[in-house]
C-alpha atoms as a PDB file:
ATOM      1  CA  MET A   1       0.000   0.000   0.000  1.00  0.00           C
ATOM      2  CA  ASP A   2       1.301   3.466  -0.902  1.00  0.00           C
ATOM      3  CA  THR A   3       2.025   5.912   1.898  1.00  0.00           C
ATOM      4  CA  PRO A   4       0.151   9.211   1.415  1.00  0.00           C
ATOM      5  CA  PRO A   5       2.461  12.115   0.524  1.00  0.00           C
ATOM      6  CA  PHE A   6       3.313  14.513   3.313  1.00  0.00           C
ATOM      7  CA  CYS A   7       2.056  18.066   2.947  1.00  0.00           C
ATOM      8  CA  PRO A   8       4.663  20.491   1.543  1.00  0.00           C
ATOM      9  CA  CYS A   9       3.935  22.908   4.428  1.00  0.00           C
ATOM     10  CA  GLY A  10       6.101  20.798   6.728  1.00  0.00           C
ATOM     11  CA  SER A  11       3.372  19.717   9.137  1.00  0.00           C
ATOM     12  CA  GLY A  12       4.276  16.040   8.765  1.00  0.00           C
ATOM     13  CA  ILE A  13       0.630  15.293   7.957  1.00  0.00           C
ATOM     14  CA  ASP A  14      -0.795  13.841   4.765  1.00  0.00           C
ATOM     15  CA  TYR A  15      -1.594  16.600   2.235  1.00  0.00           C
ATOM     16  CA  GLY A  16      -5.230  15.467   1.979  1.00  0.00           C
ATOM     17  CA  GLN A  17      -5.694  15.889   5.734  1.00  0.00           C
ATOM     18  CA  CYS A  18      -3.712  19.143   5.935  1.00  0.00           C
ATOM     19  CA  CYS A  19      -3.545  21.918   3.311  1.00  0.00           C
ATOM     20  CA  GLY A  20      -5.534  19.807   0.860  1.00  0.00           C
ATOM     21  CA  LEU A  21      -8.633  20.493   2.989  1.00  0.00           C
ATOM     22  CA  PHE A  22      -8.082  24.234   2.554  1.00  0.00           C
ATOM     23  CA  HIS A  23      -7.302  23.976  -1.170  1.00  0.00           C
ATOM     24  CA  SER A  24     -10.490  21.999  -1.803  1.00  0.00           C
ATOM     25  CA  GLY A  25     -12.595  24.502   0.151  1.00  0.00           C
ATOM     26  CA  ASP A  26     -13.704  21.848   2.660  1.00  0.00           C
ATOM     27  CA  LYS A  27     -12.155  23.827   5.512  1.00  0.00           C
ATOM     28  CA  LEU A  28     -10.852  27.362   6.178  1.00  0.00           C
ATOM     29  CA  PRO A  29      -7.513  28.029   7.900  1.00  0.00           C
ATOM     30  CA  ALA A  30      -8.236  29.000  11.524  1.00  0.00           C
ATOM     31  CA  THR A  31      -5.028  31.011  12.036  1.00  0.00           C
ATOM     32  CA  ALA A  32      -2.699  33.266  10.068  1.00  0.00           C
ATOM     33  CA  GLU A  33       0.022  30.603  10.332  1.00  0.00           C
ATOM     34  CA  ALA A  34      -2.300  27.946   8.912  1.00  0.00           C
ATOM     35  CA  LEU A  35      -3.066  30.268   5.985  1.00  0.00           C
ATOM     36  CA  MET A  36       0.667  30.907   5.477  1.00  0.00           C
ATOM     37  CA  ARG A  37       1.342  27.173   5.383  1.00  0.00           C
ATOM     38  CA  SER A  38      -1.524  26.562   2.950  1.00  0.00           C
ATOM     39  CA  ARG A  39      -0.319  29.371   0.670  1.00  0.00           C
ATOM     40  CA  PHE A  40       3.223  27.932   0.620  1.00  0.00           C
ATOM     41  CA  THR A  41       1.728  24.571  -0.317  1.00  0.00           C
ATOM     42  CA  ALA A  42      -0.331  26.264  -3.036  1.00  0.00           C
ATOM     43  CA  TYR A  43       2.878  27.733  -4.483  1.00  0.00           C
ATOM     44  CA  ALA A  44       4.526  24.286  -4.284  1.00  0.00           C
ATOM     45  CA  LYS A  45       1.562  22.727  -6.109  1.00  0.00           C
ATOM     46  CA  ASP A  46       1.135  25.636  -8.579  1.00  0.00           C
ATOM     47  CA  ASN A  47      -2.384  26.348  -7.287  1.00  0.00           C
ATOM     48  CA  THR A  48      -2.695  29.945  -8.480  1.00  0.00           C
ATOM     49  CA  GLY A  49      -6.454  30.010  -7.849  1.00  0.00           C
ATOM     50  CA  TYR A  50      -5.975  29.402  -4.130  1.00  0.00           C
ATOM     51  CA  ILE A  51      -3.170  31.956  -3.888  1.00  0.00           C
ATOM     52  CA  LEU A  52      -5.383  34.625  -5.444  1.00  0.00           C
ATOM     53  CA  ALA A  53      -8.464  33.647  -3.411  1.00  0.00           C
ATOM     54  CA  THR A  54      -6.534  34.026  -0.136  1.00  0.00           C
ATOM     55  CA  TRP A  55      -4.910  37.346  -1.054  1.00  0.00           C
ATOM     56  CA  ASP A  56      -6.603  40.505   0.235  1.00  0.00           C
ATOM     57  CA  ALA A  57      -8.207  42.200  -2.782  1.00  0.00           C
ATOM     58  CA  ALA A  58      -6.691  45.603  -1.895  1.00  0.00           C
ATOM     59  CA  SER A  59      -3.106  44.337  -2.344  1.00  0.00           C
ATOM     60  CA  ARG A  60      -3.509  41.382  -4.734  1.00  0.00           C
ATOM     61  CA  LEU A  61      -1.096  40.975  -7.661  1.00  0.00           C
ATOM     62  CA  GLU A  62      -2.137  40.099 -11.163  1.00  0.00           C
ATOM     63  CA  LYS A  63      -2.282  36.392 -12.019  1.00  0.00           C
ATOM     64  CA  GLN A  64       0.495  36.465 -14.617  1.00  0.00           C
ATOM     65  CA  SER A  65       3.102  37.595 -12.060  1.00  0.00           C
ATOM     66  CA  LEU A  66       2.596  34.610  -9.728  1.00  0.00           C
ATOM     67  CA  SER A  67       4.048  31.588 -11.454  1.00  0.00           C
ATOM     68  CA  ASP A  68       7.582  30.809 -12.504  1.00  0.00           C
ATOM     69  CA  GLU A  69       8.192  27.375 -13.999  1.00  0.00           C
ATOM     70  CA  ASN A  70      11.856  27.566 -12.907  1.00  0.00           C
ATOM     71  CA  LEU A  71      10.957  27.537  -9.184  1.00  0.00           C
ATOM     72  CA  VAL A  72      10.448  24.361  -7.181  1.00  0.00           C
ATOM     73  CA  TRP A  73       9.284  25.166  -3.636  1.00  0.00           C
ATOM     74  CA  GLN A  74      10.837  22.690  -1.217  1.00  0.00           C
ATOM     75  CA  LYS A  75      10.561  23.597   2.451  1.00  0.00           C
ATOM     76  CA  LEU A  76       8.859  26.098   4.756  1.00  0.00           C
ATOM     77  CA  GLU A  77      10.246  27.145   8.113  1.00  0.00           C
ATOM     78  CA  ILE A  78       8.072  29.300  10.379  1.00  0.00           C
ATOM     79  CA  ILE A  79      10.343  31.613  12.397  1.00  0.00           C
ATOM     80  CA  ASP A  80       7.807  33.558  14.473  1.00  0.00           C
ATOM     81  CA  THR A  81       4.156  34.537  14.707  1.00  0.00           C
ATOM     82  CA  LYS A  82       2.588  37.582  16.326  1.00  0.00           C
ATOM     83  CA  LYS A  83      -1.112  37.420  16.968  1.00  0.00           C
ATOM     84  CA  GLY A  84      -2.957  35.741  14.094  1.00  0.00           C
ATOM     85  CA  GLY A  85      -4.760  33.329  16.408  1.00  0.00           C
ATOM     86  CA  ILE A  86      -8.341  32.126  16.238  1.00  0.00           C
ATOM     87  CA  SER A  87      -9.694  35.162  18.129  1.00  0.00           C
ATOM     88  CA  ASP A  88      -7.447  37.755  16.406  1.00  0.00           C
ATOM     89  CA  ASN A  89      -8.257  39.900  13.371  1.00  0.00           C
ATOM     90  CA  LYS A  90      -4.650  40.634  12.380  1.00  0.00           C
ATOM     91  CA  GLY A  91      -1.490  38.608  12.424  1.00  0.00           C
ATOM     92  CA  ILE A  92       2.151  38.524  11.377  1.00  0.00           C
ATOM     93  CA  VAL A  93       4.060  35.423  10.308  1.00  0.00           C
ATOM     94  CA  GLU A  94       7.816  35.438   9.769  1.00  0.00           C
ATOM     95  CA  PHE A  95       9.064  32.554   7.663  1.00  0.00           C
ATOM     96  CA  LYS A  96      11.798  31.189   5.450  1.00  0.00           C
ATOM     97  CA  ALA A  97      10.848  29.426   2.240  1.00  0.00           C
ATOM     98  CA  PHE A  98      13.446  27.289   0.498  1.00  0.00           C
ATOM     99  CA  TYR A  99      13.273  26.625  -3.227  1.00  0.00           C
ATOM    100  CA  LEU A 100      15.197  25.532  -6.276  1.00  0.00           C
ATOM    101  CA  ASN A 101      15.649  27.963  -9.145  1.00  0.00           C
ATOM    102  CA  LYS A 102      17.072  26.289 -12.252  1.00  0.00           C
ATOM    103  CA  GLY A 103      18.502  23.569 -10.025  1.00  0.00           C
ATOM    104  CA  GLU A 104      20.212  25.879  -7.516  1.00  0.00           C
ATOM    105  CA  ASP A 105      19.181  26.324  -3.856  1.00  0.00           C
ATOM    106  CA  TYR A 106      17.641  29.635  -2.747  1.00  0.00           C
ATOM    107  CA  MET A 107      15.964  30.981   0.363  1.00  0.00           C
ATOM    108  CA  LEU A 108      13.325  33.690   0.852  1.00  0.00           C
ATOM    109  CA  HIS A 109      13.021  35.213   4.349  1.00  0.00           C
ATOM    110  CA  GLU A 110       9.851  37.301   4.707  1.00  0.00           C
ATOM    111  CA  VAL A 111       7.642  38.880   7.363  1.00  0.00           C
ATOM    112  CA  SER A 112       4.033  38.685   6.134  1.00  0.00           C
ATOM    113  CA  ARG A 113       0.914  40.491   7.332  1.00  0.00           C
ATOM    114  CA  PHE A 114      -2.510  38.849   7.471  1.00  0.00           C
ATOM    115  CA  ILE A 115      -6.013  40.130   8.146  1.00  0.00           C
ATOM    116  CA  LYS A 116      -9.232  38.334   9.011  1.00  0.00           C
ATOM    117  CA  LYS A 117     -12.479  39.475   7.386  1.00  0.00           C
ATOM    118  CA  ASP A 118     -15.810  37.724   7.968  1.00  0.00           C
ATOM    119  CA  ASP A 119     -14.028  34.888   9.849  1.00  0.00           C
ATOM    120  CA  ARG A 120     -11.650  34.254   6.944  1.00  0.00           C
ATOM    121  CA  TRP A 121      -7.886  34.937   6.871  1.00  0.00           C
ATOM    122  CA  PHE A 122      -6.237  36.772   3.948  1.00  0.00           C
ATOM    123  CA  TYR A 123      -2.619  37.552   3.100  1.00  0.00           C
ATOM    124  CA  VAL A 124      -2.093  41.337   2.887  1.00  0.00           C
ATOM    125  CA  ASP A 125       1.587  41.858   2.074  1.00  0.00           C
ATOM    126  CA  GLY A 126       5.083  41.078   3.215  1.00  0.00           C
ATOM    127  CA  VAL A 127       8.497  42.589   3.777  1.00  0.00           C
ATOM    128  CA  VAL A 128      11.351  40.563   2.348  1.00  0.00           C
ATOM    129  CA  LYS A 129      14.207  40.462   4.861  1.00  0.00           C
ATOM    130  CA  LYS A 130      16.526  38.384   2.691  1.00  0.00           C
ATOM    131  CA  VAL A 131      16.437  36.463  -0.544  1.00  0.00           C
ATOM    132  CA  GLY A 132      19.302  34.784  -2.278  1.00  0.00           C
ATOM    133  CA  LYS A 133      21.253  31.767  -3.329  1.00  0.00           C
ATOM    134  CA  ILE A 134      22.381  29.352  -0.643  1.00  0.00           C
ATOM    135  CA  ILE A 135      26.096  28.798  -0.909  1.00  0.00           C
ATOM    136  CA  PRO A 136      27.001  25.456   0.666  1.00  0.00           C
ATOM    137  CA  GLN A 137      29.905  25.510   3.074  1.00  0.00           C
ATOM    138  CA  LEU A 138      32.385  22.933   1.863  1.00  0.00           C
ATOM    139  CA  ASN A 139      34.024  20.519   4.298  1.00  0.00           C
ATOM    140  CA  GLN A 140      32.200  22.024   7.261  1.00  0.00           C
ATOM    141  CA  GLY A 141      30.080  18.992   8.186  1.00  0.00           C
ATOM    142  CA  LYS A 142      26.582  18.734   9.581  1.00  0.00           C
ATOM    143  CA  ASN A 143      27.513  20.520  12.846  1.00  0.00           C
ATOM    144  CA  ALA A 144      28.559  23.713  11.069  1.00  0.00           C
ATOM    145  CA  PRO A 145      26.246  26.723  11.038  1.00  0.00           C
ATOM    146  CA  CYS A 146      23.675  26.561   8.259  1.00  0.00           C
ATOM    147  CA  PRO A 147      24.630  28.702   5.237  1.00  0.00           C
ATOM    148  CA  CYS A 148      21.056  30.066   5.032  1.00  0.00           C
ATOM    149  CA  GLY A 149      21.790  32.284   8.036  1.00  0.00           C
ATOM    150  CA  SER A 150      19.209  30.803  10.413  1.00  0.00           C
ATOM    151  CA  GLY A 151      21.725  30.467  13.242  1.00  0.00           C
ATOM    152  CA  LYS A 152      20.977  26.744  13.516  1.00  0.00           C
ATOM    153  CA  LYS A 153      23.340  23.886  12.772  1.00  0.00           C
ATOM    154  CA  PHE A 154      23.182  22.671   9.179  1.00  0.00           C
ATOM    155  CA  LYS A 155      21.889  19.251  10.306  1.00  0.00           C
ATOM    156  CA  ARG A 156      18.944  20.898  12.127  1.00  0.00           C
ATOM    157  CA  CYS A 157      18.060  23.286   9.289  1.00  0.00           C
ATOM    158  CA  CYS A 158      18.644  22.895   5.550  1.00  0.00           C
ATOM    159  CA  GLY A 159      20.395  19.547   6.053  1.00  0.00           C
ATOM    160  CA  ALA A 160      17.454  18.026   7.947  1.00  0.00           C
ATOM    161  CA  GLY A 161      15.664  15.199   6.203  1.00  0.00           C
END
């Protein structure tokens, strides 16, 4: 029997029981972090419709600027959240998203703002703190600091899994 694929958001849960429920419309994300995770997964699965539907209309980009066939979204790391809980109307999620661009490793570090309207979370905008190519440290081993700048050991960050 095949094992169900894990959700790209990093939850460790089957996609169909995680972000797949949000993408299908069967469930709404209850927190800003849950929306952030589901949006990352939508980018990983090239689900432009979901990305647009969860973007606040006042700041939404045009559809043609969303996809890039050269990008392969690989991993999401949530750094911090401020508010954005079930009873909040605003929230901030800081994250790092790791991706391949033409076969080379990159990382995007962003602080995103979210708003809840009519009991539904929407992405508003984000401030990019850092984006760039990950340069592997040669001969440093798994205990060396991660080259992405997280401050963690390589084996606990980009080298995990």
